[in-house]
Amino acid sequence: MKILVINGPNLNFLGIREKNIYGSGDYEGLCKFIDKEAAALGVEAELFQSNIEGEIINKIQAAYGNTDGIVINPGAYTHYSIAIFDAIKSVDIRTVEVHISNVYAREEFRHKSVIAPACMGQISGFGFLGYKFALEALANQD
């Protein structure tokens, strides 16, 4: 099983930005965590990060036909990217939306995800563990 893990804008600055919200773990640490958890599940994880919406859409489209699942943390695109929503819908690949912070305990504009309706589920507020939960959800689907 191959799972594409997409991280959106500013996630490359984990460990630098807003440590009180995102913790002190950096992006490299997140990638190592995801690789370790994927290996424990016996799945292959391909990691991708971009601050550019079009690159994220291109990556989702490139997954068509060769990826079994997608884990996506769309960052701020969560709240307004109909284009990412459309890309997920168009490839028809099981997708889980993940957020490191509890978006519902933050600013009101973060409470709405336009991506979630294209996904099989959403996980937020569990830090890096959210990625583990998403990988498990995808790996255990029929």
N, C-alpha and C. Protein backbone atom coordinates (compact mmCIF):
# COMPACT_ATOMS: atom_id res chain seq x y z
N MET A 1 0.84 -1.18 0.00
CA MET A 1 0.00 0.00 0.00
C MET A 1 0.88 1.24 0.00
N LYS A 2 0.52 2.19 -0.85
CA LYS A 2 1.27 3.44 -0.95
C LYS A 2 0.37 4.60 -0.52
N ILE A 3 0.87 5.40 0.42
CA ILE A 3 0.13 6.55 0.93
C ILE A 3 0.95 7.82 0.69
N LEU A 4 0.32 8.77 0.05
CA LEU A 4 0.93 10.08 -0.19
C LEU A 4 0.58 10.99 0.98
N VAL A 5 1.59 11.59 1.61
CA VAL A 5 1.39 12.52 2.71
C VAL A 5 1.76 13.91 2.21
N ILE A 6 0.76 14.79 2.14
CA ILE A 6 0.95 16.14 1.63
C ILE A 6 0.86 17.13 2.78
N ASN A 7 1.85 17.98 2.90
CA ASN A 7 1.84 19.06 3.87
C ASN A 7 1.88 20.38 3.14
N GLY A 8 0.97 21.25 3.50
CA GLY A 8 0.81 22.52 2.82
C GLY A 8 1.66 23.64 3.39
N PRO A 9 1.21 24.87 3.15
CA PRO A 9 2.02 26.04 3.45
C PRO A 9 2.41 26.18 4.91
N ASN A 10 3.65 26.56 5.10
CA ASN A 10 4.26 26.90 6.38
C ASN A 10 4.58 25.70 7.26
N LEU A 11 4.22 24.50 6.84
CA LEU A 11 4.55 23.33 7.67
C LEU A 11 6.05 23.07 7.66
N ASN A 12 6.73 23.54 6.62
CA ASN A 12 8.18 23.44 6.59
C ASN A 12 8.83 24.30 7.69
N PHE A 13 8.06 25.16 8.31
CA PHE A 13 8.56 26.00 9.39
C PHE A 13 8.17 25.48 10.78
N LEU A 14 7.75 24.22 10.86
CA LEU A 14 7.51 23.63 12.18
C LEU A 14 8.78 23.72 13.01
N GLY A 15 8.63 23.97 14.29
CA GLY A 15 9.77 24.13 15.18
C GLY A 15 10.28 25.56 15.21
N ILE A 16 9.82 26.37 14.27
CA ILE A 16 10.21 27.78 14.20
C ILE A 16 9.00 28.65 14.51
N ARG A 17 7.87 28.35 13.88
CA ARG A 17 6.69 29.19 13.99
C ARG A 17 5.77 28.75 15.14
N GLU A 18 5.26 29.68 15.87
CA GLU A 18 4.22 29.48 16.88
C GLU A 18 4.35 28.15 17.65
N LYS A 19 5.46 28.01 18.35
CA LYS A 19 5.73 26.79 19.09
C LYS A 19 4.66 26.51 20.14
N ASN A 20 4.01 27.56 20.63
CA ASN A 20 2.95 27.38 21.62
C ASN A 20 1.73 26.68 21.01
N ILE A 21 1.60 26.71 19.70
CA ILE A 21 0.48 26.05 19.01
C ILE A 21 0.93 24.74 18.38
N TYR A 22 2.07 24.75 17.69
CA TYR A 22 2.51 23.60 16.90
C TYR A 22 3.58 22.74 17.58
N GLY A 23 4.07 23.18 18.73
CA GLY A 23 5.10 22.43 19.43
C GLY A 23 6.49 22.76 18.91
N SER A 24 7.48 22.11 19.48
CA SER A 24 8.87 22.41 19.13
C SER A 24 9.44 21.44 18.09
N GLY A 25 8.70 20.40 17.76
CA GLY A 25 9.17 19.46 16.75
C GLY A 25 9.27 20.13 15.39
N ASP A 26 10.36 19.84 14.66
CA ASP A 26 10.54 20.46 13.35
C ASP A 26 10.02 19.57 12.23
N TYR A 27 10.07 20.09 11.00
CA TYR A 27 9.52 19.36 9.86
C TYR A 27 10.29 18.06 9.61
N GLU A 28 11.59 18.10 9.76
CA GLU A 28 12.39 16.88 9.59
C GLU A 28 11.95 15.81 10.59
N GLY A 29 11.69 16.24 11.82
CA GLY A 29 11.21 15.31 12.85
C GLY A 29 9.85 14.73 12.49
N LEU A 30 8.97 15.56 11.93
CA LEU A 30 7.67 15.07 11.49
C LEU A 30 7.85 14.01 10.39
N CYS A 31 8.71 14.28 9.44
CA CYS A 31 8.95 13.32 8.35
C CYS A 31 9.48 12.00 8.88
N LYS A 32 10.41 12.05 9.81
CA LYS A 32 10.95 10.82 10.41
C LYS A 32 9.85 10.07 11.16
N PHE A 33 9.00 10.80 11.87
CA PHE A 33 7.89 10.19 12.60
C PHE A 33 6.96 9.47 11.63
N ILE A 34 6.59 10.13 10.54
CA ILE A 34 5.68 9.55 9.55
C ILE A 34 6.32 8.30 8.93
N ASP A 35 7.58 8.38 8.56
CA ASP A 35 8.26 7.23 7.96
C ASP A 35 8.27 6.04 8.92
N LYS A 36 8.54 6.31 10.20
CA LYS A 36 8.57 5.25 11.21
C LYS A 36 7.20 4.61 11.38
N GLU A 37 6.17 5.43 11.45
CA GLU A 37 4.81 4.91 11.64
C GLU A 37 4.34 4.14 10.40
N ALA A 38 4.68 4.62 9.22
CA ALA A 38 4.31 3.92 7.99
C ALA A 38 4.99 2.55 7.93
N ALA A 39 6.27 2.51 8.27
CA ALA A 39 7.00 1.25 8.27
C ALA A 39 6.37 0.25 9.25
N ALA A 40 5.97 0.73 10.42
CA ALA A 40 5.35 -0.14 11.42
C ALA A 40 4.03 -0.72 10.91
N LEU A 41 3.36 0.01 10.04
CA LEU A 41 2.10 -0.47 9.46
C LEU A 41 2.32 -1.30 8.19
N GLY A 42 3.56 -1.32 7.71
CA GLY A 42 3.86 -2.04 6.48
C GLY A 42 3.38 -1.34 5.23
N VAL A 43 3.31 -0.01 5.29
CA VAL A 43 2.91 0.77 4.12
C VAL A 43 4.05 1.69 3.70
N GLU A 44 4.01 2.09 2.45
CA GLU A 44 5.01 3.03 1.92
C GLU A 44 4.42 4.43 1.98
N ALA A 45 5.16 5.35 2.58
CA ALA A 45 4.71 6.74 2.64
C ALA A 45 5.60 7.60 1.76
N GLU A 46 4.96 8.36 0.88
CA GLU A 46 5.68 9.36 0.08
C GLU A 46 5.33 10.71 0.67
N LEU A 47 6.35 11.47 1.08
CA LEU A 47 6.12 12.76 1.71
C LEU A 47 6.36 13.90 0.73
N PHE A 48 5.49 14.90 0.82
CA PHE A 48 5.57 16.06 -0.07
C PHE A 48 5.12 17.28 0.71
N GLN A 49 5.86 18.38 0.56
CA GLN A 49 5.48 19.64 1.18
C GLN A 49 5.63 20.74 0.16
N SER A 50 4.63 21.64 0.14
CA SER A 50 4.72 22.80 -0.73
C SER A 50 3.95 23.96 -0.12
N ASN A 51 4.47 25.15 -0.36
CA ASN A 51 3.77 26.38 0.02
C ASN A 51 2.91 26.90 -1.13
N ILE A 52 2.88 26.15 -2.23
CA ILE A 52 2.22 26.62 -3.45
C ILE A 52 1.02 25.74 -3.78
N GLU A 53 -0.14 26.34 -3.84
CA GLU A 53 -1.39 25.61 -4.07
C GLU A 53 -1.34 24.76 -5.34
N GLY A 54 -0.88 25.32 -6.44
CA GLY A 54 -0.83 24.59 -7.70
C GLY A 54 0.05 23.36 -7.64
N GLU A 55 1.16 23.42 -6.91
CA GLU A 55 2.02 22.25 -6.76
C GLU A 55 1.31 21.14 -5.99
N ILE A 56 0.52 21.53 -5.00
CA ILE A 56 -0.25 20.54 -4.23
C ILE A 56 -1.28 19.88 -5.13
N ILE A 57 -1.95 20.65 -5.94
CA ILE A 57 -2.94 20.11 -6.88
C ILE A 57 -2.26 19.18 -7.88
N ASN A 58 -1.13 19.59 -8.42
CA ASN A 58 -0.39 18.73 -9.35
C ASN A 58 -0.01 17.40 -8.70
N LYS A 59 0.39 17.44 -7.44
CA LYS A 59 0.79 16.22 -6.73
C LYS A 59 -0.42 15.30 -6.52
N ILE A 60 -1.55 15.87 -6.17
CA ILE A 60 -2.76 15.07 -6.00
C ILE A 60 -3.13 14.42 -7.33
N GLN A 61 -3.10 15.18 -8.40
CA GLN A 61 -3.44 14.62 -9.71
C GLN A 61 -2.44 13.54 -10.14
N ALA A 62 -1.17 13.73 -9.83
CA ALA A 62 -0.15 12.73 -10.19
C ALA A 62 -0.34 11.43 -9.40
N ALA A 63 -1.05 11.49 -8.28
CA ALA A 63 -1.30 10.29 -7.46
C ALA A 63 -2.33 9.37 -8.10
N TYR A 64 -3.10 9.89 -9.03
CA TYR A 64 -4.15 9.10 -9.66
C TYR A 64 -3.58 7.83 -10.29
N GLY A 65 -4.13 6.71 -9.89
CA GLY A 65 -3.74 5.43 -10.48
C GLY A 65 -2.53 4.76 -9.86
N ASN A 66 -1.82 5.44 -8.94
CA ASN A 66 -0.64 4.80 -8.35
C ASN A 66 -0.50 5.04 -6.84
N THR A 67 -1.57 5.53 -6.23
CA THR A 67 -1.55 5.79 -4.79
C THR A 67 -2.83 5.25 -4.18
N ASP A 68 -2.71 4.60 -3.03
CA ASP A 68 -3.87 3.98 -2.39
C ASP A 68 -4.58 4.90 -1.41
N GLY A 69 -3.89 5.91 -0.92
CA GLY A 69 -4.48 6.82 0.04
C GLY A 69 -3.68 8.10 0.13
N ILE A 70 -4.34 9.14 0.62
CA ILE A 70 -3.69 10.44 0.81
C ILE A 70 -3.97 10.93 2.22
N VAL A 71 -2.93 11.40 2.86
CA VAL A 71 -3.05 12.15 4.10
C VAL A 71 -2.67 13.58 3.73
N ILE A 72 -3.54 14.53 4.06
CA ILE A 72 -3.24 15.92 3.69
C ILE A 72 -3.45 16.85 4.88
N ASN A 73 -2.43 17.67 5.11
CA ASN A 73 -2.55 18.81 6.01
C ASN A 73 -2.45 20.03 5.10
N PRO A 74 -3.61 20.57 4.70
CA PRO A 74 -3.58 21.66 3.73
C PRO A 74 -3.19 23.01 4.31
N GLY A 75 -2.88 23.07 5.61
CA GLY A 75 -2.53 24.35 6.22
C GLY A 75 -3.65 25.35 6.00
N ALA A 76 -3.30 26.58 5.72
CA ALA A 76 -4.30 27.64 5.54
C ALA A 76 -5.21 27.40 4.34
N TYR A 77 -4.76 26.58 3.38
CA TYR A 77 -5.64 26.27 2.24
C TYR A 77 -6.90 25.53 2.68
N THR A 78 -6.88 24.97 3.87
CA THR A 78 -8.04 24.27 4.43
C THR A 78 -9.29 25.12 4.33
N HIS A 79 -9.14 26.41 4.52
CA HIS A 79 -10.29 27.28 4.73
C HIS A 79 -10.82 27.93 3.45
N TYR A 80 -10.09 27.75 2.33
CA TYR A 80 -10.58 28.43 1.13
C TYR A 80 -10.22 27.79 -0.20
N SER A 81 -9.51 26.68 -0.22
CA SER A 81 -9.07 26.13 -1.50
C SER A 81 -10.08 25.14 -2.09
N ILE A 82 -11.00 25.68 -2.84
CA ILE A 82 -11.93 24.84 -3.59
C ILE A 82 -11.14 24.04 -4.64
N ALA A 83 -10.04 24.57 -5.12
CA ALA A 83 -9.22 23.88 -6.11
C ALA A 83 -8.63 22.58 -5.54
N ILE A 84 -8.17 22.60 -4.30
CA ILE A 84 -7.66 21.38 -3.67
C ILE A 84 -8.82 20.42 -3.42
N PHE A 85 -9.94 20.92 -2.95
CA PHE A 85 -11.15 20.10 -2.80
C PHE A 85 -11.47 19.38 -4.11
N ASP A 86 -11.52 20.14 -5.21
CA ASP A 86 -11.83 19.57 -6.52
C ASP A 86 -10.80 18.52 -6.94
N ALA A 87 -9.54 18.76 -6.67
CA ALA A 87 -8.49 17.80 -7.03
C ALA A 87 -8.68 16.48 -6.28
N ILE A 88 -8.97 16.57 -4.98
CA ILE A 88 -9.19 15.35 -4.19
C ILE A 88 -10.41 14.59 -4.73
N LYS A 89 -11.48 15.32 -5.00
CA LYS A 89 -12.67 14.67 -5.54
C LYS A 89 -12.40 14.02 -6.89
N SER A 90 -11.59 14.67 -7.71
CA SER A 90 -11.38 14.18 -9.07
C SER A 90 -10.57 12.90 -9.13
N VAL A 91 -9.65 12.68 -8.20
CA VAL A 91 -8.82 11.47 -8.26
C VAL A 91 -9.47 10.28 -7.57
N ASP A 92 -10.49 10.51 -6.75
CA ASP A 92 -11.22 9.44 -6.07
C ASP A 92 -10.28 8.49 -5.31
N ILE A 93 -9.38 9.09 -4.51
CA ILE A 93 -8.47 8.34 -3.65
C ILE A 93 -8.87 8.65 -2.21
N ARG A 94 -8.99 7.61 -1.39
CA ARG A 94 -9.35 7.83 0.02
C ARG A 94 -8.36 8.80 0.65
N THR A 95 -8.91 9.84 1.28
CA THR A 95 -8.09 10.93 1.81
C THR A 95 -8.52 11.26 3.23
N VAL A 96 -7.54 11.52 4.08
CA VAL A 96 -7.78 11.96 5.45
C VAL A 96 -7.11 13.32 5.63
N GLU A 97 -7.87 14.27 6.15
CA GLU A 97 -7.35 15.61 6.45
C GLU A 97 -6.81 15.61 7.88
N VAL A 98 -5.62 16.17 8.05
CA VAL A 98 -4.96 16.21 9.36
C VAL A 98 -4.54 17.63 9.69
N HIS A 99 -4.67 17.97 10.98
CA HIS A 99 -4.16 19.25 11.49
C HIS A 99 -3.45 18.98 12.81
N ILE A 100 -2.28 19.55 12.97
CA ILE A 100 -1.50 19.37 14.19
C ILE A 100 -2.21 20.01 15.38
N SER A 101 -2.73 21.22 15.17
CA SER A 101 -3.42 21.92 16.25
C SER A 101 -4.92 21.61 16.21
N ASN A 102 -5.59 21.91 17.29
CA ASN A 102 -7.05 21.79 17.32
C ASN A 102 -7.61 23.05 16.69
N VAL A 103 -7.96 22.96 15.43
CA VAL A 103 -8.42 24.14 14.69
C VAL A 103 -9.70 24.72 15.27
N TYR A 104 -10.48 23.90 15.99
CA TYR A 104 -11.74 24.37 16.56
C TYR A 104 -11.56 25.13 17.87
N ALA A 105 -10.34 25.12 18.41
CA ALA A 105 -10.03 25.88 19.62
C ALA A 105 -9.28 27.16 19.27
N ARG A 106 -9.20 27.46 17.99
CA ARG A 106 -8.44 28.62 17.52
C ARG A 106 -9.39 29.67 16.93
N GLU A 107 -8.87 30.56 16.13
CA GLU A 107 -9.66 31.63 15.55
C GLU A 107 -10.86 31.05 14.78
N GLU A 108 -11.94 31.80 14.78
CA GLU A 108 -13.18 31.30 14.17
C GLU A 108 -13.02 30.95 12.69
N PHE A 109 -12.21 31.71 11.96
CA PHE A 109 -12.06 31.40 10.53
C PHE A 109 -11.46 30.02 10.30
N ARG A 110 -10.78 29.46 11.30
CA ARG A 110 -10.17 28.13 11.17
C ARG A 110 -11.17 27.00 11.42
N HIS A 111 -12.37 27.33 11.86
CA HIS A 111 -13.37 26.31 12.19
C HIS A 111 -14.01 25.69 10.95
N LYS A 112 -13.86 26.31 9.80
CA LYS A 112 -14.49 25.82 8.57
C LYS A 112 -13.43 25.25 7.63
N SER A 113 -13.63 23.99 7.24
CA SER A 113 -12.76 23.36 6.24
C SER A 113 -13.56 23.14 4.98
N VAL A 114 -13.08 23.69 3.88
CA VAL A 114 -13.71 23.39 2.59
C VAL A 114 -13.15 22.09 2.01
N ILE A 115 -12.09 21.55 2.62
CA ILE A 115 -11.47 20.31 2.17
C ILE A 115 -12.17 19.09 2.78
N ALA A 116 -12.61 19.18 4.02
CA ALA A 116 -13.16 18.04 4.75
C ALA A 116 -14.26 17.27 4.00
N PRO A 117 -15.18 17.93 3.31
CA PRO A 117 -16.21 17.16 2.62
C PRO A 117 -15.69 16.25 1.50
N ALA A 118 -14.46 16.47 1.04
CA ALA A 118 -13.86 15.61 0.03
C ALA A 118 -13.11 14.43 0.65
N CYS A 119 -13.02 14.42 1.98
CA CYS A 119 -12.22 13.43 2.70
C CYS A 119 -13.10 12.43 3.43
N MET A 120 -12.51 11.27 3.75
CA MET A 120 -13.23 10.27 4.52
C MET A 120 -13.29 10.65 6.00
N GLY A 121 -12.43 11.55 6.44
CA GLY A 121 -12.42 11.99 7.82
C GLY A 121 -11.41 13.09 8.04
N GLN A 122 -11.49 13.67 9.24
CA GLN A 122 -10.58 14.76 9.62
C GLN A 122 -10.08 14.48 11.03
N ILE A 123 -8.79 14.72 11.25
CA ILE A 123 -8.17 14.54 12.57
C ILE A 123 -7.47 15.85 12.92
N SER A 124 -7.76 16.39 14.09
CA SER A 124 -7.09 17.63 14.50
C SER A 124 -6.83 17.63 15.99
N GLY A 125 -5.74 18.30 16.36
CA GLY A 125 -5.47 18.56 17.75
C GLY A 125 -4.56 17.56 18.45
N PHE A 126 -4.03 16.58 17.74
CA PHE A 126 -3.22 15.55 18.39
C PHE A 126 -1.74 15.65 18.03
N GLY A 127 -1.32 16.79 17.50
CA GLY A 127 0.08 16.95 17.14
C GLY A 127 0.47 15.97 16.05
N PHE A 128 1.71 15.50 16.12
CA PHE A 128 2.21 14.56 15.12
C PHE A 128 1.41 13.26 15.12
N LEU A 129 0.85 12.89 16.28
CA LEU A 129 0.07 11.65 16.36
C LEU A 129 -1.08 11.61 15.36
N GLY A 130 -1.59 12.76 14.98
CA GLY A 130 -2.68 12.81 14.01
C GLY A 130 -2.30 12.12 12.71
N TYR A 131 -1.04 12.24 12.32
CA TYR A 131 -0.58 11.57 11.10
C TYR A 131 -0.60 10.05 11.27
N LYS A 132 -0.22 9.59 12.45
CA LYS A 132 -0.27 8.15 12.74
C LYS A 132 -1.70 7.65 12.64
N PHE A 133 -2.63 8.38 13.24
CA PHE A 133 -4.03 7.98 13.20
C PHE A 133 -4.55 7.94 11.76
N ALA A 134 -4.14 8.91 10.96
CA ALA A 134 -4.57 8.96 9.56
C ALA A 134 -4.00 7.78 8.77
N LEU A 135 -2.73 7.48 8.97
CA LEU A 135 -2.11 6.33 8.30
C LEU A 135 -2.83 5.04 8.69
N GLU A 136 -3.12 4.90 9.98
CA GLU A 136 -3.84 3.71 10.45
C GLU A 136 -5.23 3.60 9.82
N ALA A 137 -5.92 4.72 9.74
CA ALA A 137 -7.27 4.72 9.15
C ALA A 137 -7.21 4.25 7.70
N LEU A 138 -6.23 4.73 6.95
CA LEU A 138 -6.11 4.34 5.55
C LEU A 138 -5.63 2.89 5.41
N ALA A 139 -4.69 2.50 6.22
CA ALA A 139 -4.14 1.14 6.13
C ALA A 139 -5.16 0.07 6.52
N ASN A 140 -6.13 0.43 7.33
CA ASN A 140 -7.12 -0.53 7.81
C ASN A 140 -8.45 -0.48 7.07
N GLN A 141 -8.50 0.23 5.96
CA GLN A 141 -9.71 0.27 5.14
C GLN A 141 -9.75 -0.94 4.23
N ASP A 142 -10.93 -1.43 3.96
CA ASP A 142 -11.08 -2.59 3.05
C ASP A 142 -10.72 -2.21 1.64
